[in-house]
Amino acid sequence: MRGHISITHTTACQNGIQQALGSKSARTGNLLMAAFGRLIAAYKHHQSRRAILRLNDSQLRDIGLERSFDGSICERN
């Protein structure tokens, strides 16, 4: 699948980094891993939003959403 990133590999790498480095380096590693985690979360949010925006009105109704007049997607009442 195009654009797929493995989170499992990242977690295993983080554990190895923390064991191999000292406390200051481990904190730096934690900061980098947190930044990487936020980047992954933002990318997943972007992918989900793009997928929803590609759905037609009938498909949106099937999952309980509707397109508003300005083109944004909102939950059906």
PDB file of N, CA and C in Angstrom:
ATOM      1  N   MET A   1       0.845  -1.170   0.000  1.00  0.00           N
ATOM      2  CA  MET A   1       0.000   0.000   0.000  1.00  0.00           C
ATOM      3  C   MET A   1       0.892   1.236   0.000  1.00  0.00           C
ATOM      4  N   ARG A   2       0.641   2.157  -0.862  1.00  0.00           N
ATOM      5  CA  ARG A   2       1.454   3.348  -1.008  1.00  0.00           C
ATOM      6  C   ARG A   2       1.273   4.293   0.180  1.00  0.00           C
ATOM      7  N   GLY A   3       2.375   4.830   0.704  1.00  0.00           N
ATOM      8  CA  GLY A   3       2.295   5.778   1.799  1.00  0.00           C
ATOM      9  C   GLY A   3       2.172   5.150   3.174  1.00  0.00           C
ATOM     10  N   HIS A   4       2.284   3.846   3.293  1.00  0.00           N
ATOM     11  CA  HIS A   4       2.130   3.151   4.571  1.00  0.00           C
ATOM     12  C   HIS A   4       3.449   3.216   5.356  1.00  0.00           C
ATOM     13  N   ILE A   5       3.392   3.602   6.621  1.00  0.00           N
ATOM     14  CA  ILE A   5       4.570   3.696   7.478  1.00  0.00           C
ATOM     15  C   ILE A   5       4.369   2.768   8.672  1.00  0.00           C
ATOM     16  N   SER A   6       5.389   1.979   8.989  1.00  0.00           N
ATOM     17  CA  SER A   6       5.287   1.018  10.081  1.00  0.00           C
ATOM     18  C   SER A   6       5.593   1.684  11.417  1.00  0.00           C
ATOM     19  N   ILE A   7       4.602   1.704  12.307  1.00  0.00           N
ATOM     20  CA  ILE A   7       4.778   2.259  13.649  1.00  0.00           C
ATOM     21  C   ILE A   7       5.467   1.229  14.549  1.00  0.00           C
ATOM     22  N   THR A   8       5.246  -0.053  14.324  1.00  0.00           N
ATOM     23  CA  THR A   8       5.844  -1.108  15.135  1.00  0.00           C
ATOM     24  C   THR A   8       7.363  -1.033  15.091  1.00  0.00           C
ATOM     25  N   HIS A   9       7.905  -0.839  13.912  1.00  0.00           N
ATOM     26  CA  HIS A   9       9.355  -0.745  13.764  1.00  0.00           C
ATOM     27  C   HIS A   9       9.891   0.463  14.534  1.00  0.00           C
ATOM     28  N   THR A  10       9.166   1.564  14.517  1.00  0.00           N
ATOM     29  CA  THR A  10       9.582   2.775  15.216  1.00  0.00           C
ATOM     30  C   THR A  10       9.658   2.531  16.719  1.00  0.00           C
ATOM     31  N   THR A  11       8.673   1.849  17.290  1.00  0.00           N
ATOM     32  CA  THR A  11       8.661   1.573  18.723  1.00  0.00           C
ATOM     33  C   THR A  11       9.832   0.679  19.113  1.00  0.00           C
ATOM     34  N   ALA A  12      10.128  -0.325  18.326  1.00  0.00           N
ATOM     35  CA  ALA A  12      11.267  -1.200  18.605  1.00  0.00           C
ATOM     36  C   ALA A  12      12.577  -0.421  18.552  1.00  0.00           C
ATOM     37  N   CYS A  13      12.684   0.486  17.590  1.00  0.00           N
ATOM     38  CA  CYS A  13      13.887   1.313  17.478  1.00  0.00           C
ATOM     39  C   CYS A  13      14.026   2.233  18.683  1.00  0.00           C
ATOM     40  N   GLN A  14      12.921   2.795  19.140  1.00  0.00           N
ATOM     41  CA  GLN A  14      12.960   3.700  20.287  1.00  0.00           C
ATOM     42  C   GLN A  14      13.468   2.972  21.526  1.00  0.00           C
ATOM     43  N   ASN A  15      13.005   1.754  21.765  1.00  0.00           N
ATOM     44  CA  ASN A  15      13.464   0.986  22.915  1.00  0.00           C
ATOM     45  C   ASN A  15      14.962   0.722  22.834  1.00  0.00           C
ATOM     46  N   GLY A  16      15.446   0.396  21.661  1.00  0.00           N
ATOM     47  CA  GLY A  16      16.870   0.150  21.476  1.00  0.00           C
ATOM     48  C   GLY A  16      17.698   1.404  21.677  1.00  0.00           C
ATOM     49  N   ILE A  17      17.201   2.535  21.214  1.00  0.00           N
ATOM     50  CA  ILE A  17      17.912   3.809  21.375  1.00  0.00           C
ATOM     51  C   ILE A  17      18.031   4.169  22.841  1.00  0.00           C
ATOM     52  N   GLN A  18      16.953   4.042  23.594  1.00  0.00           N
ATOM     53  CA  GLN A  18      16.972   4.405  25.005  1.00  0.00           C
ATOM     54  C   GLN A  18      17.958   3.550  25.792  1.00  0.00           C
ATOM     55  N   GLN A  19      18.086   2.297  25.472  1.00  0.00           N
ATOM     56  CA  GLN A  19      19.011   1.420  26.174  1.00  0.00           C
ATOM     57  C   GLN A  19      20.454   1.728  25.810  1.00  0.00           C
ATOM     58  N   ALA A  20      20.703   2.094  24.571  1.00  0.00           N
ATOM     59  CA  ALA A  20      22.063   2.303  24.097  1.00  0.00           C
ATOM     60  C   ALA A  20      22.640   3.662  24.488  1.00  0.00           C
ATOM     61  N   LEU A  21      21.823   4.658  24.716  1.00  0.00           N
ATOM     62  CA  LEU A  21      22.292   6.011  24.968  1.00  0.00           C
ATOM     63  C   LEU A  21      22.175   6.392  26.437  1.00  0.00           C
ATOM     64  N   GLY A  22      22.916   7.428  26.837  1.00  0.00           N
ATOM     65  CA  GLY A  22      22.833   7.953  28.197  1.00  0.00           C
ATOM     66  C   GLY A  22      21.554   8.733  28.402  1.00  0.00           C
ATOM     67  N   SER A  23      21.367   9.295  29.620  1.00  0.00           N
ATOM     68  CA  SER A  23      20.107   9.947  29.953  1.00  0.00           C
ATOM     69  C   SER A  23      19.847  11.197  29.105  1.00  0.00           C
ATOM     70  N   LYS A  24      20.869  12.063  28.884  1.00  0.00           N
ATOM     71  CA  LYS A  24      20.650  13.259  28.066  1.00  0.00           C
ATOM     72  C   LYS A  24      20.339  12.868  26.625  1.00  0.00           C
ATOM     73  N   SER A  25      21.069  11.917  26.123  1.00  0.00           N
ATOM     74  CA  SER A  25      20.818  11.454  24.755  1.00  0.00           C
ATOM     75  C   SER A  25      19.460  10.765  24.658  1.00  0.00           C
ATOM     76  N   ALA A  26      19.085  10.052  25.710  1.00  0.00           N
ATOM     77  CA  ALA A  26      17.781   9.376  25.703  1.00  0.00           C
ATOM     78  C   ALA A  26      16.657  10.407  25.682  1.00  0.00           C
ATOM     79  N   ARG A  27      16.819  11.521  26.418  1.00  0.00           N
ATOM     80  CA  ARG A  27      15.797  12.573  26.402  1.00  0.00           C
ATOM     81  C   ARG A  27      15.681  13.173  25.001  1.00  0.00           C
ATOM     82  N   THR A  28      16.827  13.382  24.365  1.00  0.00           N
ATOM     83  CA  THR A  28      16.817  13.899  22.999  1.00  0.00           C
ATOM     84  C   THR A  28      16.123  12.908  22.074  1.00  0.00           C
ATOM     85  N   GLY A  29      16.429  11.626  22.265  1.00  0.00           N
ATOM     86  CA  GLY A  29      15.767  10.582  21.474  1.00  0.00           C
ATOM     87  C   GLY A  29      14.273  10.577  21.697  1.00  0.00           C
ATOM     88  N   ASN A  30      13.851  10.773  22.961  1.00  0.00           N
ATOM     89  CA  ASN A  30      12.418  10.819  23.269  1.00  0.00           C
ATOM     90  C   ASN A  30      11.744  12.000  22.583  1.00  0.00           C
ATOM     91  N   LEU A  31      12.427  13.144  22.574  1.00  0.00           N
ATOM     92  CA  LEU A  31      11.869  14.315  21.906  1.00  0.00           C
ATOM     93  C   LEU A  31      11.727  14.068  20.411  1.00  0.00           C
ATOM     94  N   LEU A  32      12.744  13.457  19.833  1.00  0.00           N
ATOM     95  CA  LEU A  32      12.676  13.151  18.406  1.00  0.00           C
ATOM     96  C   LEU A  32      11.564  12.156  18.107  1.00  0.00           C
ATOM     97  N   MET A  33      11.411  11.146  18.958  1.00  0.00           N
ATOM     98  CA  MET A  33      10.364  10.155  18.744  1.00  0.00           C
ATOM     99  C   MET A  33       8.982  10.773  18.917  1.00  0.00           C
ATOM    100  N   ALA A  34       8.849  11.718  19.884  1.00  0.00           N
ATOM    101  CA  ALA A  34       7.569  12.399  20.071  1.00  0.00           C
ATOM    102  C   ALA A  34       7.240  13.248  18.846  1.00  0.00           C
ATOM    103  N   ALA A  35       8.236  13.941  18.316  1.00  0.00           N
ATOM    104  CA  ALA A  35       8.022  14.751  17.114  1.00  0.00           C
ATOM    105  C   ALA A  35       7.644  13.861  15.935  1.00  0.00           C
ATOM    106  N   PHE A  36       8.314  12.724  15.818  1.00  0.00           N
ATOM    107  CA  PHE A  36       8.003  11.779  14.744  1.00  0.00           C
ATOM    108  C   PHE A  36       6.579  11.241  14.903  1.00  0.00           C
ATOM    109  N   GLY A  37       6.186  10.954  16.136  1.00  0.00           N
ATOM    110  CA  GLY A  37       4.829  10.471  16.413  1.00  0.00           C
ATOM    111  C   GLY A  37       3.774  11.493  16.020  1.00  0.00           C
ATOM    112  N   ARG A  38       4.035  12.763  16.311  1.00  0.00           N
ATOM    113  CA  ARG A  38       3.095  13.820  15.928  1.00  0.00           C
ATOM    114  C   ARG A  38       3.013  13.951  14.414  1.00  0.00           C
ATOM    115  N   LEU A  39       4.149  13.812  13.756  1.00  0.00           N
ATOM    116  CA  LEU A  39       4.176  13.877  12.300  1.00  0.00           C
ATOM    117  C   LEU A  39       3.341  12.745  11.691  1.00  0.00           C
ATOM    118  N   ILE A  40       3.482  11.549  12.234  1.00  0.00           N
ATOM    119  CA  ILE A  40       2.706  10.396  11.758  1.00  0.00           C
ATOM    120  C   ILE A  40       1.215  10.628  11.995  1.00  0.00           C
ATOM    121  N   ALA A  41       0.852  11.142  13.183  1.00  0.00           N
ATOM    122  CA  ALA A  41      -0.557  11.404  13.498  1.00  0.00           C
ATOM    123  C   ALA A  41      -1.140  12.443  12.539  1.00  0.00           C
ATOM    124  N   ALA A  42      -0.390  13.488  12.242  1.00  0.00           N
ATOM    125  CA  ALA A  42      -0.862  14.522  11.315  1.00  0.00           C
ATOM    126  C   ALA A  42      -1.043  13.944   9.916  1.00  0.00           C
ATOM    127  N   TYR A  43      -0.127  13.081   9.509  1.00  0.00           N
ATOM    128  CA  TYR A  43      -0.217  12.455   8.188  1.00  0.00           C
ATOM    129  C   TYR A  43      -1.451  11.555   8.099  1.00  0.00           C
ATOM    130  N   LYS A  44      -1.707  10.779   9.152  1.00  0.00           N
ATOM    131  CA  LYS A  44      -2.893   9.908   9.165  1.00  0.00           C
ATOM    132  C   LYS A  44      -4.180  10.730   9.133  1.00  0.00           C
ATOM    133  N   HIS A  45      -4.201  11.849   9.867  1.00  0.00           N
ATOM    134  CA  HIS A  45      -5.363  12.739   9.864  1.00  0.00           C
ATOM    135  C   HIS A  45      -5.586  13.281   8.452  1.00  0.00           C
ATOM    136  N   HIS A  46      -4.519  13.695   7.809  1.00  0.00           N
ATOM    137  CA  HIS A  46      -4.594  14.218   6.439  1.00  0.00           C
ATOM    138  C   HIS A  46      -5.135  13.151   5.475  1.00  0.00           C
ATOM    139  N   GLN A  47      -4.638  11.918   5.606  1.00  0.00           N
ATOM    140  CA  GLN A  47      -5.110  10.828   4.742  1.00  0.00           C
ATOM    141  C   GLN A  47      -6.596  10.558   4.957  1.00  0.00           C
ATOM    142  N   SER A  48      -7.035  10.540   6.203  1.00  0.00           N
ATOM    143  CA  SER A  48      -8.448  10.287   6.515  1.00  0.00           C
ATOM    144  C   SER A  48      -9.327  11.382   5.940  1.00  0.00           C
ATOM    145  N   ARG A  49      -8.900  12.609   6.116  1.00  0.00           N
ATOM    146  CA  ARG A  49      -9.677  13.743   5.593  1.00  0.00           C
ATOM    147  C   ARG A  49      -9.790  13.679   4.069  1.00  0.00           C
ATOM    148  N   ARG A  50      -8.703  13.356   3.395  1.00  0.00           N
ATOM    149  CA  ARG A  50      -8.732  13.237   1.937  1.00  0.00           C
ATOM    150  C   ARG A  50      -9.678  12.130   1.501  1.00  0.00           C
ATOM    151  N   ALA A  51      -9.655  11.001   2.222  1.00  0.00           N
ATOM    152  CA  ALA A  51     -10.530   9.875   1.872  1.00  0.00           C
ATOM    153  C   ALA A  51     -11.998  10.261   2.031  1.00  0.00           C
ATOM    154  N   ILE A  52     -12.332  10.963   3.106  1.00  0.00           N
ATOM    155  CA  ILE A  52     -13.720  11.369   3.342  1.00  0.00           C
ATOM    156  C   ILE A  52     -14.168  12.383   2.298  1.00  0.00           C
ATOM    157  N   LEU A  53     -13.289  13.302   1.942  1.00  0.00           N
ATOM    158  CA  LEU A  53     -13.651  14.315   0.954  1.00  0.00           C
ATOM    159  C   LEU A  53     -13.908  13.717  -0.425  1.00  0.00           C
ATOM    160  N   ARG A  54     -13.356  12.538  -0.696  1.00  0.00           N
ATOM    161  CA  ARG A  54     -13.568  11.880  -1.987  1.00  0.00           C
ATOM    162  C   ARG A  54     -14.903  11.141  -2.074  1.00  0.00           C
ATOM    163  N   LEU A  55     -15.579  10.930  -0.940  1.00  0.00           N
ATOM    164  CA  LEU A  55     -16.849  10.207  -0.943  1.00  0.00           C
ATOM    165  C   LEU A  55     -17.962  11.064  -1.529  1.00  0.00           C
ATOM    166  N   ASN A  56     -18.920  10.403  -2.190  1.00  0.00           N
ATOM    167  CA  ASN A  56     -20.070  11.154  -2.694  1.00  0.00           C
ATOM    168  C   ASN A  56     -21.111  11.290  -1.576  1.00  0.00           C
ATOM    169  N   ASP A  57     -22.165  12.075  -1.819  1.00  0.00           N
ATOM    170  CA  ASP A  57     -23.161  12.365  -0.781  1.00  0.00           C
ATOM    171  C   ASP A  57     -23.859  11.113  -0.265  1.00  0.00           C
ATOM    172  N   SER A  58     -24.133  10.167  -1.141  1.00  0.00           N
ATOM    173  CA  SER A  58     -24.783   8.918  -0.732  1.00  0.00           C
ATOM    174  C   SER A  58     -23.878   8.112   0.214  1.00  0.00           C
ATOM    175  N   GLN A  59     -22.607   8.023  -0.109  1.00  0.00           N
ATOM    176  CA  GLN A  59     -21.663   7.300   0.745  1.00  0.00           C
ATOM    177  C   GLN A  59     -21.510   7.992   2.094  1.00  0.00           C
ATOM    178  N   LEU A  60     -21.507   9.318   2.094  1.00  0.00           N
ATOM    179  CA  LEU A  60     -21.416  10.055   3.356  1.00  0.00           C
ATOM    180  C   LEU A  60     -22.626   9.780   4.243  1.00  0.00           C
ATOM    181  N   ARG A  61     -23.827   9.764   3.639  1.00  0.00           N
ATOM    182  CA  ARG A  61     -25.046   9.461   4.414  1.00  0.00           C
ATOM    183  C   ARG A  61     -24.971   8.074   5.024  1.00  0.00           C
ATOM    184  N   ASP A  62     -24.397   7.106   4.298  1.00  0.00           N
ATOM    185  CA  ASP A  62     -24.276   5.736   4.802  1.00  0.00           C
ATOM    186  C   ASP A  62     -23.466   5.662   6.093  1.00  0.00           C
ATOM    187  N   ILE A  63     -22.504   6.552   6.260  1.00  0.00           N
ATOM    188  CA  ILE A  63     -21.677   6.525   7.466  1.00  0.00           C
ATOM    189  C   ILE A  63     -22.062   7.630   8.459  1.00  0.00           C
ATOM    190  N   GLY A  64     -23.221   8.272   8.217  1.00  0.00           N
ATOM    191  CA  GLY A  64     -23.756   9.244   9.168  1.00  0.00           C
ATOM    192  C   GLY A  64     -23.177  10.643   9.045  1.00  0.00           C
ATOM    193  N   LEU A  65     -22.656  10.985   7.878  1.00  0.00           N
ATOM    194  CA  LEU A  65     -22.116  12.323   7.647  1.00  0.00           C
ATOM    195  C   LEU A  65     -22.861  12.989   6.503  1.00  0.00           C
ATOM    196  N   GLU A  66     -22.723  14.289   6.402  1.00  0.00           N
ATOM    197  CA  GLU A  66     -23.298  14.999   5.267  1.00  0.00           C
ATOM    198  C   GLU A  66     -22.392  16.158   4.883  1.00  0.00           C
ATOM    199  N   ARG A  67     -22.497  16.557   3.625  1.00  0.00           N
ATOM    200  CA  ARG A  67     -21.703  17.676   3.118  1.00  0.00           C
ATOM    201  C   ARG A  67     -22.538  18.947   3.284  1.00  0.00           C
ATOM    202  N   SER A  68     -21.963  19.981   3.875  1.00  0.00           N
ATOM    203  CA  SER A  68     -22.694  21.233   4.059  1.00  0.00           C
ATOM    204  C   SER A  68     -22.621  22.073   2.789  1.00  0.00           C
ATOM    205  N   PHE A  69     -23.299  23.187   2.785  1.00  0.00           N
ATOM    206  CA  PHE A  69     -23.344  24.046   1.597  1.00  0.00           C
ATOM    207  C   PHE A  69     -21.968  24.589   1.219  1.00  0.00           C
ATOM    208  N   ASP A  70     -21.109  24.800   2.208  1.00  0.00           N
ATOM    209  CA  ASP A  70     -19.772  25.340   1.905  1.00  0.00           C
ATOM    210  C   ASP A  70     -18.767  24.242   1.533  1.00  0.00           C
ATOM    211  N   GLY A  71     -19.221  22.981   1.478  1.00  0.00           N
ATOM    212  CA  GLY A  71     -18.362  21.879   1.055  1.00  0.00           C
ATOM    213  C   GLY A  71     -17.689  21.142   2.184  1.00  0.00           C
ATOM    214  N   SER A  72     -17.822  21.620   3.414  1.00  0.00           N
ATOM    215  CA  SER A  72     -17.215  20.918   4.533  1.00  0.00           C
ATOM    216  C   SER A  72     -18.083  19.717   4.929  1.00  0.00           C
ATOM    217  N   ILE A  73     -17.493  18.774   5.645  1.00  0.00           N
ATOM    218  CA  ILE A  73     -18.185  17.556   6.059  1.00  0.00           C
ATOM    219  C   ILE A  73     -18.556  17.692   7.532  1.00  0.00           C
ATOM    220  N   CYS A  74     -19.800  17.372   7.879  1.00  0.00           N
ATOM    221  CA  CYS A  74     -20.226  17.424   9.270  1.00  0.00           C
ATOM    222  C   CYS A  74     -21.094  16.210   9.586  1.00  0.00           C
ATOM    223  N   GLU A  75     -21.280  15.965  10.873  1.00  0.00           N
ATOM    224  CA  GLU A  75     -22.083  14.835  11.328  1.00  0.00           C
ATOM    225  C   GLU A  75     -23.561  15.129  11.068  1.00  0.00           C
ATOM    226  N   ARG A  76     -24.290  14.100  10.637  1.00  0.00           N
ATOM    227  CA  ARG A  76     -25.722  14.269  10.387  1.00  0.00           C
ATOM    228  C   ARG A  76     -26.466  14.411  11.694  1.00  0.00           C
ATOM    229  N   ASN A  77     -27.520  15.217  11.690  1.00  0.00           N
ATOM    230  CA  ASN A  77     -28.354  15.394  12.882  1.00  0.00           C
ATOM    231  C   ASN A  77     -29.402  14.342  12.976  1.00  0.00           C
TER     232      ASN A  77
END
